PDB file of all heavy atoms in Angstrom:
ATOM      1  N   ARG A   1     -58.364 -13.598-126.541  1.00  0.00           N
ATOM      2  CA  ARG A   1     -59.400 -14.008-125.601  1.00  0.00           C
ATOM      3  C   ARG A   1     -59.931 -15.378-126.039  1.00  0.00           C
ATOM      4  O   ARG A   1     -60.513 -15.520-127.087  1.00  0.00           O
ATOM      5  CB  ARG A   1     -60.518 -12.985-125.583  1.00  0.00           C
ATOM      6  CG  ARG A   1     -61.544 -13.269-124.512  1.00  0.00           C
ATOM      7  CD  ARG A   1     -62.583 -12.213-124.471  1.00  0.00           C
ATOM      8  NE  ARG A   1     -62.027 -11.027-123.839  1.00  0.00           N
ATOM      9  CZ  ARG A   1     -62.705  -9.918-123.637  1.00  0.00           C
ATOM     10  NH1 ARG A   1     -63.946  -9.818-124.026  1.00  0.00           N
ATOM     11  NH2 ARG A   1     -62.146  -8.884-123.068  1.00  0.00           N
ATOM     12  N   THR A   2     -59.691 -16.360-125.227  1.00  0.00           N
ATOM     13  CA  THR A   2     -60.154 -17.704-125.531  1.00  0.00           C
ATOM     14  C   THR A   2     -61.568 -17.901-125.006  1.00  0.00           C
ATOM     15  O   THR A   2     -62.073 -17.105-124.209  1.00  0.00           O
ATOM     16  CB  THR A   2     -59.248 -18.758-124.879  1.00  0.00           C
ATOM     17  OG1 THR A   2     -59.360 -18.636-123.464  1.00  0.00           O
ATOM     18  CG2 THR A   2     -57.809 -18.601-125.318  1.00  0.00           C
ATOM     19  N   LYS A   3     -62.206 -18.964-125.448  1.00  0.00           N
ATOM     20  CA  LYS A   3     -63.555 -19.298-124.975  1.00  0.00           C
ATOM     21  C   LYS A   3     -63.545 -19.528-123.465  1.00  0.00           C
ATOM     22  O   LYS A   3     -64.432 -19.081-122.754  1.00  0.00           O
ATOM     23  CB  LYS A   3     -64.053 -20.546-125.719  1.00  0.00           C
ATOM     24  CG  LYS A   3     -65.419 -21.002-125.321  1.00  0.00           C
ATOM     25  CD  LYS A   3     -66.485 -20.065-125.821  1.00  0.00           C
ATOM     26  CE  LYS A   3     -67.844 -20.675-125.566  1.00  0.00           C
ATOM     27  NZ  LYS A   3     -68.903 -19.711-125.597  1.00  0.00           N
ATOM     28  N   GLU A   4     -62.504 -20.189-122.974  1.00  0.00           N
ATOM     29  CA  GLU A   4     -62.386 -20.463-121.544  1.00  0.00           C
ATOM     30  C   GLU A   4     -62.264 -19.164-120.745  1.00  0.00           C
ATOM     31  O   GLU A   4     -62.916 -18.981-119.716  1.00  0.00           O
ATOM     32  CB  GLU A   4     -61.192 -21.369-121.275  1.00  0.00           C
ATOM     33  CG  GLU A   4     -61.094 -21.844-119.844  1.00  0.00           C
ATOM     34  CD  GLU A   4     -59.929 -22.798-119.627  1.00  0.00           C
ATOM     35  OE1 GLU A   4     -59.095 -22.960-120.539  1.00  0.00           O
ATOM     36  OE2 GLU A   4     -59.865 -23.359-118.528  1.00  0.00           O
ATOM     37  N   ALA A   5     -61.425 -18.257-121.238  1.00  0.00           N
ATOM     38  CA  ALA A   5     -61.263 -16.967-120.556  1.00  0.00           C
ATOM     39  C   ALA A   5     -62.574 -16.198-120.563  1.00  0.00           C
ATOM     40  O   ALA A   5     -62.954 -15.591-119.556  1.00  0.00           O
ATOM     41  CB  ALA A   5     -60.163 -16.155-121.228  1.00  0.00           C
ATOM     42  N   GLN A   6     -63.282 -16.225-121.685  1.00  0.00           N
ATOM     43  CA  GLN A   6     -64.559 -15.528-121.768  1.00  0.00           C
ATOM     44  C   GLN A   6     -65.574 -16.118-120.782  1.00  0.00           C
ATOM     45  O   GLN A   6     -66.330 -15.385-120.154  1.00  0.00           O
ATOM     46  CB  GLN A   6     -65.128 -15.583-123.195  1.00  0.00           C
ATOM     47  CG  GLN A   6     -66.384 -14.748-123.370  1.00  0.00           C
ATOM     48  CD  GLN A   6     -66.154 -13.271-123.065  1.00  0.00           C
ATOM     49  OE1 GLN A   6     -65.206 -12.673-123.545  1.00  0.00           O
ATOM     50  NE2 GLN A   6     -67.019 -12.690-122.251  1.00  0.00           N
ATOM     51  N   ASN A   7     -65.553 -17.436-120.624  1.00  0.00           N
ATOM     52  CA  ASN A   7     -66.443 -18.075-119.641  1.00  0.00           C
ATOM     53  C   ASN A   7     -66.133 -17.594-118.231  1.00  0.00           C
ATOM     54  O   ASN A   7     -67.048 -17.360-117.424  1.00  0.00           O
ATOM     55  CB  ASN A   7     -66.321 -19.594-119.721  1.00  0.00           C
ATOM     56  CG  ASN A   7     -66.977 -20.169-120.952  1.00  0.00           C
ATOM     57  OD1 ASN A   7     -67.814 -19.527-121.591  1.00  0.00           O
ATOM     58  ND2 ASN A   7     -66.586 -21.385-121.307  1.00  0.00           N
ATOM     59  N   HIS A   8     -64.861 -17.440-117.914  1.00  0.00           N
ATOM     60  CA  HIS A   8     -64.468 -16.955-116.584  1.00  0.00           C
ATOM     61  C   HIS A   8     -64.875 -15.492-116.398  1.00  0.00           C
ATOM     62  O   HIS A   8     -65.331 -15.099-115.315  1.00  0.00           O
ATOM     63  CB  HIS A   8     -62.971 -17.129-116.354  1.00  0.00           C
ATOM     64  CG  HIS A   8     -62.531 -18.565-116.302  1.00  0.00           C
ATOM     65  ND1 HIS A   8     -63.272 -19.557-115.711  1.00  0.00           N
ATOM     66  CD2 HIS A   8     -61.411 -19.170-116.769  1.00  0.00           C
ATOM     67  CE1 HIS A   8     -62.642 -20.705-115.819  1.00  0.00           C
ATOM     68  NE2 HIS A   8     -61.498 -20.501-116.471  1.00  0.00           N
ATOM     69  N   ILE A   9     -64.707 -14.696-117.431  1.00  0.00           N
ATOM     70  CA  ILE A   9     -65.118 -13.287-117.366  1.00  0.00           C
ATOM     71  C   ILE A   9     -66.628 -13.199-117.156  1.00  0.00           C
ATOM     72  O   ILE A   9     -67.105 -12.423-116.316  1.00  0.00           O
ATOM     73  CB  ILE A   9     -64.680 -12.528-118.642  1.00  0.00           C
ATOM     74  CG1 ILE A   9     -63.167 -12.391-118.668  1.00  0.00           C
ATOM     75  CG2 ILE A   9     -65.348 -11.160-118.717  1.00  0.00           C
ATOM     76  CD1 ILE A   9     -62.606 -11.925-119.993  1.00  0.00           C
ATOM     77  N   ASP A  10     -67.373 -14.016-117.889  1.00  0.00           N
ATOM     78  CA  ASP A  10     -68.833 -14.055-117.716  1.00  0.00           C
ATOM     79  C   ASP A  10     -69.203 -14.497-116.302  1.00  0.00           C
ATOM     80  O   ASP A  10     -70.141 -13.975-115.701  1.00  0.00           O
ATOM     81  CB  ASP A  10     -69.472 -14.992-118.740  1.00  0.00           C
ATOM     82  CG  ASP A  10     -69.359 -14.488-120.169  1.00  0.00           C
ATOM     83  OD1 ASP A  10     -69.071 -13.277-120.362  1.00  0.00           O
ATOM     84  OD2 ASP A  10     -69.543 -15.306-121.098  1.00  0.00           O
ATOM     85  N   GLY A  11     -68.435 -15.463-115.776  1.00  0.00           N
ATOM     86  CA  GLY A  11     -68.679 -15.937-114.411  1.00  0.00           C
ATOM     87  C   GLY A  11     -68.460 -14.845-113.381  1.00  0.00           C
ATOM     88  O   GLY A  11     -69.257 -14.686-112.444  1.00  0.00           O
ATOM     89  N   VAL A  12     -67.384 -14.079-113.551  1.00  0.00           N
ATOM     90  CA  VAL A  12     -67.111 -12.966-112.627  1.00  0.00           C
ATOM     91  C   VAL A  12     -68.242 -11.945-112.694  1.00  0.00           C
ATOM     92  O   VAL A  12     -68.730 -11.476-111.663  1.00  0.00           O
ATOM     93  CB  VAL A  12     -65.760 -12.282-112.955  1.00  0.00           C
ATOM     94  CG1 VAL A  12     -65.601 -10.981-112.191  1.00  0.00           C
ATOM     95  CG2 VAL A  12     -64.607 -13.211-112.643  1.00  0.00           C
ATOM     96  N   TYR A  13     -68.657 -11.628-113.892  1.00  0.00           N
ATOM     97  CA  TYR A  13     -69.746 -10.657-114.073  1.00  0.00           C
ATOM     98  C   TYR A  13     -71.027 -11.142-113.388  1.00  0.00           C
ATOM     99  O   TYR A  13     -71.663 -10.396-112.638  1.00  0.00           O
ATOM    100  CB  TYR A  13     -69.992 -10.429-115.569  1.00  0.00           C
ATOM    101  CG  TYR A  13     -71.117  -9.476-115.865  1.00  0.00           C
ATOM    102  CD1 TYR A  13     -70.947  -8.104-115.691  1.00  0.00           C
ATOM    103  CD2 TYR A  13     -72.354  -9.944-116.292  1.00  0.00           C
ATOM    104  CE1 TYR A  13     -71.985  -7.216-115.937  1.00  0.00           C
ATOM    105  CE2 TYR A  13     -73.400  -9.066-116.540  1.00  0.00           C
ATOM    106  CZ  TYR A  13     -73.209  -7.709-116.372  1.00  0.00           C
ATOM    107  OH  TYR A  13     -74.240  -6.843-116.610  1.00  0.00           O
ATOM    108  N   LYS A  14     -71.380 -12.402-113.620  1.00  0.00           N
ATOM    109  CA  LYS A  14     -72.595 -12.972-113.026  1.00  0.00           C
ATOM    110  C   LYS A  14     -72.516 -12.974-111.491  1.00  0.00           C
ATOM    111  O   LYS A  14     -73.473 -12.593-110.809  1.00  0.00           O
ATOM    112  CB  LYS A  14     -72.800 -14.392-113.543  1.00  0.00           C
ATOM    113  CG  LYS A  14     -74.021 -15.082-113.004  1.00  0.00           C
ATOM    114  CD  LYS A  14     -74.127 -16.504-113.514  1.00  0.00           C
ATOM    115  CE  LYS A  14     -75.234 -17.237-112.778  1.00  0.00           C
ATOM    116  NZ  LYS A  14     -75.235 -18.663-113.031  1.00  0.00           N
ATOM    117  N   LYS A  15     -71.388 -13.391-110.969  1.00  0.00           N
ATOM    118  CA  LYS A  15     -71.227 -13.453-109.507  1.00  0.00           C
ATOM    119  C   LYS A  15     -71.225 -12.053-108.899  1.00  0.00           C
ATOM    120  O   LYS A  15     -71.729 -11.858-107.783  1.00  0.00           O
ATOM    121  CB  LYS A  15     -69.950 -14.207-109.124  1.00  0.00           C
ATOM    122  CG  LYS A  15     -69.974 -15.668-109.502  1.00  0.00           C
ATOM    123  CD  LYS A  15     -71.130 -16.399-108.864  1.00  0.00           C
ATOM    124  CE  LYS A  15     -71.212 -17.823-109.360  1.00  0.00           C
ATOM    125  NZ  LYS A  15     -72.392 -18.522-108.871  1.00  0.00           N
ATOM    126  N   ASN A  16     -70.672 -11.070-109.597  1.00  0.00           N
ATOM    127  CA  ASN A  16     -70.726  -9.693-109.103  1.00  0.00           C
ATOM    128  C   ASN A  16     -72.158  -9.192-109.029  1.00  0.00           C
ATOM    129  O   ASN A  16     -72.529  -8.488-108.076  1.00  0.00           O
ATOM    130  CB  ASN A  16     -69.879  -8.766-109.976  1.00  0.00           C
ATOM    131  CG  ASN A  16     -68.432  -8.740-109.550  1.00  0.00           C
ATOM    132  OD1 ASN A  16     -68.119  -8.819-108.375  1.00  0.00           O
ATOM    133  ND2 ASN A  16     -67.539  -8.633-110.513  1.00  0.00           N
ATOM    134  N   LEU A  17     -72.981  -9.535-110.020  1.00  0.00           N
ATOM    135  CA  LEU A  17     -74.398  -9.151-109.975  1.00  0.00           C
ATOM    136  C   LEU A  17     -75.103  -9.819-108.799  1.00  0.00           C
ATOM    137  O   LEU A  17     -75.874  -9.172-108.074  1.00  0.00           O
ATOM    138  CB  LEU A  17     -75.097  -9.533-111.288  1.00  0.00           C
ATOM    139  CG  LEU A  17     -74.731  -8.719-112.524  1.00  0.00           C
ATOM    140  CD1 LEU A  17     -75.442  -9.277-113.753  1.00  0.00           C
ATOM    141  CD2 LEU A  17     -75.077  -7.251-112.321  1.00  0.00           C
ATOM    142  N   GLU A  18     -74.831 -11.103-108.610  1.00  0.00           N
ATOM    143  CA  GLU A  18     -75.416 -11.825-107.474  1.00  0.00           C
ATOM    144  C   GLU A  18     -74.984 -11.195-106.153  1.00  0.00           C
ATOM    145  O   GLU A  18     -75.785 -11.065-105.221  1.00  0.00           O
ATOM    146  CB  GLU A  18     -75.001 -13.293-107.493  1.00  0.00           C
ATOM    147  CG  GLU A  18     -75.677 -14.129-108.537  1.00  0.00           C
ATOM    148  CD  GLU A  18     -75.227 -15.586-108.476  1.00  0.00           C
ATOM    149  OE1 GLU A  18     -75.211 -16.169-107.367  1.00  0.00           O
ATOM    150  OE2 GLU A  18     -74.878 -16.133-109.537  1.00  0.00           O
ATOM    151  N   LEU A  19     -73.710 -10.812-106.072  1.00  0.00           N
ATOM    152  CA  LEU A  19     -73.183 -10.198-104.855  1.00  0.00           C
ATOM    153  C   LEU A  19     -73.886  -8.873-104.561  1.00  0.00           C
ATOM    154  O   LEU A  19     -74.247  -8.602-103.409  1.00  0.00           O
ATOM    155  CB  LEU A  19     -71.672  -9.995-104.983  1.00  0.00           C
ATOM    156  CG  LEU A  19     -70.948  -9.413-103.776  1.00  0.00           C
ATOM    157  CD1 LEU A  19     -71.125 -10.311-102.553  1.00  0.00           C
ATOM    158  CD2 LEU A  19     -69.462  -9.247-104.101  1.00  0.00           C
ATOM    159  N   MET A  20     -74.100  -8.068-105.584  1.00  0.00           N
ATOM    160  CA  MET A  20     -74.809  -6.800-105.384  1.00  0.00           C
ATOM    161  C   MET A  20     -76.233  -7.047-104.870  1.00  0.00           C
ATOM    162  O   MET A  20     -76.699  -6.363-103.956  1.00  0.00           O
ATOM    163  CB  MET A  20     -74.846  -5.989-106.681  1.00  0.00           C
ATOM    164  CG  MET A  20     -73.514  -5.366-107.042  1.00  0.00           C
ATOM    165  SD  MET A  20     -73.570  -4.216-108.438  1.00  0.00           S
ATOM    166  CE  MET A  20     -74.290  -5.198-109.738  1.00  0.00           C
ATOM    167  N   MET A  21     -76.901  -8.042-105.431  1.00  0.00           N
ATOM    168  CA  MET A  21     -78.263  -8.354-104.998  1.00  0.00           C
ATOM    169  C   MET A  21     -78.270  -8.872-103.555  1.00  0.00           C
ATOM    170  O   MET A  21     -79.138  -8.509-102.759  1.00  0.00           O
ATOM    171  CB  MET A  21     -78.912  -9.374-105.937  1.00  0.00           C
ATOM    172  CG  MET A  21     -79.207  -8.797-107.303  1.00  0.00           C
ATOM    173  SD  MET A  21     -80.022  -9.855-108.535  1.00  0.00           S
ATOM    174  CE  MET A  21     -79.869 -11.491-107.958  1.00  0.00           C
ATOM    175  N   LYS A  22     -77.296  -9.706-103.217  1.00  0.00           N
ATOM    176  CA  LYS A  22     -77.216 -10.228-101.854  1.00  0.00           C
ATOM    177  C   LYS A  22     -76.902  -9.122-100.854  1.00  0.00           C
ATOM    178  O   LYS A  22     -77.394  -9.145 -99.724  1.00  0.00           O
ATOM    179  CB  LYS A  22     -76.154 -11.334-101.755  1.00  0.00           C
ATOM    180  CG  LYS A  22     -76.649 -12.675-102.187  1.00  0.00           C
ATOM    181  CD  LYS A  22     -77.732 -13.178-101.260  1.00  0.00           C
ATOM    182  CE  LYS A  22     -78.338 -14.448-101.768  1.00  0.00           C
ATOM    183  NZ  LYS A  22     -79.516 -14.855-101.018  1.00  0.00           N
ATOM    184  N   ASN A  23     -76.083  -8.150-101.238  1.00  0.00           N
ATOM    185  CA  ASN A  23     -75.797  -7.030-100.346  1.00  0.00           C
ATOM    186  C   ASN A  23     -77.055  -6.216-100.082  1.00  0.00           C
ATOM    187  O   ASN A  23     -77.285  -5.765 -98.949  1.00  0.00           O
ATOM    188  CB  ASN A  23     -74.684  -6.146-100.924  1.00  0.00           C
ATOM    189  CG  ASN A  23     -73.316  -6.743-100.704  1.00  0.00           C
ATOM    190  OD1 ASN A  23     -73.068  -7.430 -99.728  1.00  0.00           O
ATOM    191  ND2 ASN A  23     -72.412  -6.493-101.637  1.00  0.00           N
ATOM    192  N   ASP A  24     -77.881  -6.023-101.114  1.00  0.00           N
ATOM    193  CA  ASP A  24     -79.160  -5.339-100.917  1.00  0.00           C
ATOM    194  C   ASP A  24     -80.068  -6.160-100.003  1.00  0.00           C
ATOM    195  O   ASP A  24     -80.734  -5.632 -99.111  1.00  0.00           O
ATOM    196  CB  ASP A  24     -79.864  -5.095-102.259  1.00  0.00           C
ATOM    197  CG  ASP A  24     -79.143  -4.062-103.118  1.00  0.00           C
ATOM    198  OD1 ASP A  24     -78.334  -3.287-102.574  1.00  0.00           O
ATOM    199  OD2 ASP A  24     -79.399  -4.042-104.349  1.00  0.00           O
ATOM    200  N   GLU A  25     -80.078  -7.473-100.224  1.00  0.00           N
ATOM    201  CA  GLU A  25     -80.892  -8.361 -99.394  1.00  0.00           C
ATOM    202  C   GLU A  25     -80.410  -8.340 -97.948  1.00  0.00           C
ATOM    203  O   GLU A  25     -81.216  -8.364 -97.014  1.00  0.00           O
ATOM    204  CB  GLU A  25     -80.828  -9.780 -99.954  1.00  0.00           C
ATOM    205  CG  GLU A  25     -81.702 -10.769 -99.228  1.00  0.00           C
ATOM    206  CD  GLU A  25     -81.597 -12.178 -99.795  1.00  0.00           C
ATOM    207  OE1 GLU A  25     -81.130 -12.361-100.935  1.00  0.00           O
ATOM    208  OE2 GLU A  25     -81.992 -13.108 -99.067  1.00  0.00           O
ATOM    209  N   LEU A  26     -79.091  -8.276 -97.763  1.00  0.00           N
ATOM    210  CA  LEU A  26     -78.519  -8.234 -96.416  1.00  0.00           C
ATOM    211  C   LEU A  26     -79.028  -7.017 -95.645  1.00  0.00           C
ATOM    212  O   LEU A  26     -79.369  -7.110 -94.466  1.00  0.00           O
ATOM    213  CB  LEU A  26     -76.993  -8.220 -96.486  1.00  0.00           C
ATOM    214  CG  LEU A  26     -76.256  -8.164 -95.160  1.00  0.00           C
ATOM    215  CD1 LEU A  26     -76.500  -9.436 -94.350  1.00  0.00           C
ATOM    216  CD2 LEU A  26     -74.764  -7.972 -95.391  1.00  0.00           C
ATOM    217  N   GLU A  27     -79.090  -5.889 -96.318  1.00  0.00           N
ATOM    218  CA  GLU A  27     -79.593  -4.675 -95.671  1.00  0.00           C
ATOM    219  C   GLU A  27     -81.040  -4.865 -95.221  1.00  0.00           C
ATOM    220  O   GLU A  27     -81.400  -4.535 -94.092  1.00  0.00           O
ATOM    221  CB  GLU A  27     -79.492  -3.501 -96.643  1.00  0.00           C
ATOM    222  CG  GLU A  27     -79.928  -2.181 -96.049  1.00  0.00           C
ATOM    223  CD  GLU A  27     -79.791  -1.025 -97.027  1.00  0.00           C
ATOM    224  OE1 GLU A  27     -79.107  -1.156 -98.051  1.00  0.00           O
ATOM    225  OE2 GLU A  27     -80.378   0.024 -96.728  1.00  0.00           O
ATOM    226  N   GLU A  28     -81.856  -5.425 -96.098  1.00  0.00           N
ATOM    227  CA  GLU A  28     -83.266  -5.661 -95.774  1.00  0.00           C
ATOM    228  C   GLU A  28     -83.407  -6.670 -94.633  1.00  0.00           C
ATOM    229  O   GLU A  28     -84.193  -6.467 -93.696  1.00  0.00           O
ATOM    230  CB  GLU A  28     -83.983  -6.181 -97.018  1.00  0.00           C
ATOM    231  CG  GLU A  28     -85.456  -6.423 -96.827  1.00  0.00           C
ATOM    232  CD  GLU A  28     -86.118  -6.970 -98.078  1.00  0.00           C
ATOM    233  OE1 GLU A  28     -85.729  -6.563 -99.188  1.00  0.00           O
ATOM    234  OE2 GLU A  28     -87.022  -7.818 -97.932  1.00  0.00           O
ATOM    235  N   LEU A  29     -82.641  -7.744 -94.687  1.00  0.00           N
ATOM    236  CA  LEU A  29     -82.713  -8.759 -93.634  1.00  0.00           C
ATOM    237  C   LEU A  29     -82.212  -8.225 -92.297  1.00  0.00           C
ATOM    238  O   LEU A  29     -82.729  -8.605 -91.241  1.00  0.00           O
ATOM    239  CB  LEU A  29     -81.908  -9.996 -94.051  1.00  0.00           C
ATOM    240  CG  LEU A  29     -82.479 -10.798 -95.217  1.00  0.00           C
ATOM    241  CD1 LEU A  29     -81.500 -11.893 -95.639  1.00  0.00           C
ATOM    242  CD2 LEU A  29     -83.838 -11.378 -94.878  1.00  0.00           C
ATOM    243  N   SER A  30     -81.221  -7.358 -92.332  1.00  0.00           N
ATOM    244  CA  SER A  30     -80.719  -6.744 -91.094  1.00  0.00           C
ATOM    245  C   SER A  30     -81.802  -5.906 -90.430  1.00  0.00           C
ATOM    246  O   SER A  30     -81.967  -5.943 -89.202  1.00  0.00           O
ATOM    247  CB  SER A  30     -79.495  -5.871 -91.387  1.00  0.00           C
ATOM    248  OG  SER A  30     -78.433  -6.646 -91.849  1.00  0.00           O
ATOM    249  N   MET A  31     -82.540  -5.177 -91.254  1.00  0.00           N
ATOM    250  CA  MET A  31     -83.625  -4.362 -90.708  1.00  0.00           C
ATOM    251  C   MET A  31     -84.735  -5.247 -90.136  1.00  0.00           C
ATOM    252  O   MET A  31     -85.286  -4.955 -89.065  1.00  0.00           O
ATOM    253  CB  MET A  31     -84.161  -3.420 -91.787  1.00  0.00           C
ATOM    254  CG  MET A  31     -83.156  -2.328 -92.139  1.00  0.00           C
ATOM    255  SD  MET A  31     -83.567  -1.305 -93.566  1.00  0.00           S
ATOM    256  CE  MET A  31     -85.220  -0.809 -93.267  1.00  0.00           C
ATOM    257  N   LYS A  32     -85.057  -6.342 -90.811  1.00  0.00           N
ATOM    258  CA  LYS A  32     -86.079  -7.263 -90.315  1.00  0.00           C
ATOM    259  C   LYS A  32     -85.656  -7.909 -89.001  1.00  0.00           C
ATOM    260  O   LYS A  32     -86.462  -8.056 -88.085  1.00  0.00           O
ATOM    261  CB  LYS A  32     -86.386  -8.334 -91.356  1.00  0.00           C
ATOM    262  CG  LYS A  32     -87.205  -7.846 -92.514  1.00  0.00           C
ATOM    263  CD  LYS A  32     -87.501  -8.976 -93.485  1.00  0.00           C
ATOM    264  CE  LYS A  32     -88.335  -8.485 -94.649  1.00  0.00           C
ATOM    265  NZ  LYS A  32     -88.620  -9.576 -95.608  1.00  0.00           N
ATOM    266  N   ALA A  33     -84.383  -8.297 -88.914  1.00  0.00           N
ATOM    267  CA  ALA A  33     -83.885  -8.908 -87.678  1.00  0.00           C
ATOM    268  C   ALA A  33     -83.909  -7.904 -86.525  1.00  0.00           C
ATOM    269  O   ALA A  33     -84.281  -8.242 -85.398  1.00  0.00           O
ATOM    270  CB  ALA A  33     -82.475  -9.457 -87.887  1.00  0.00           C
ATOM    271  N   ALA A  34     -83.525  -6.678 -86.811  1.00  0.00           N
ATOM    272  CA  ALA A  34     -83.550  -5.637 -85.775  1.00  0.00           C
ATOM    273  C   ALA A  34     -84.984  -5.371 -85.311  1.00  0.00           C
ATOM    274  O   ALA A  34     -85.235  -5.200 -84.111  1.00  0.00           O
ATOM    275  CB  ALA A  34     -82.909  -4.357 -86.297  1.00  0.00           C
ATOM    276  N   GLN A  35     -85.923  -5.361 -86.243  1.00  0.00           N
ATOM    277  CA  GLN A  35     -87.329  -5.144 -85.900  1.00  0.00           C
ATOM    278  C   GLN A  35     -87.858  -6.304 -85.052  1.00  0.00           C
ATOM    279  O   GLN A  35     -88.561  -6.090 -84.067  1.00  0.00           O
ATOM    280  CB  GLN A  35     -88.180  -4.986 -87.172  1.00  0.00           C
ATOM    281  CG  GLN A  35     -89.643  -4.741 -86.910  1.00  0.00           C
ATOM    282  CD  GLN A  35     -89.911  -3.420 -86.202  1.00  0.00           C
ATOM    283  OE1 GLN A  35     -89.218  -2.442 -86.425  1.00  0.00           O
ATOM    284  NE2 GLN A  35     -90.911  -3.406 -85.349  1.00  0.00           N
ATOM    285  N   ALA A  36     -87.505  -7.536 -85.434  1.00  0.00           N
ATOM    286  CA  ALA A  36     -87.941  -8.708 -84.667  1.00  0.00           C
ATOM    287  C   ALA A  36     -87.374  -8.667 -83.253  1.00  0.00           C
ATOM    288  O   ALA A  36     -88.076  -8.976 -82.283  1.00  0.00           O
ATOM    289  CB  ALA A  36     -87.516  -9.986 -85.386  1.00  0.00           C
TER     290      ALA A  36
END
């Protein structure tokens, strides 16, 4: 495992966390749009 590979693995992990948060946000925003 090189430093570069570890950086990419960390990047995937970080982006997956962001994606999970955005999916939760999408659900909330969908409900707000439907209510509006």
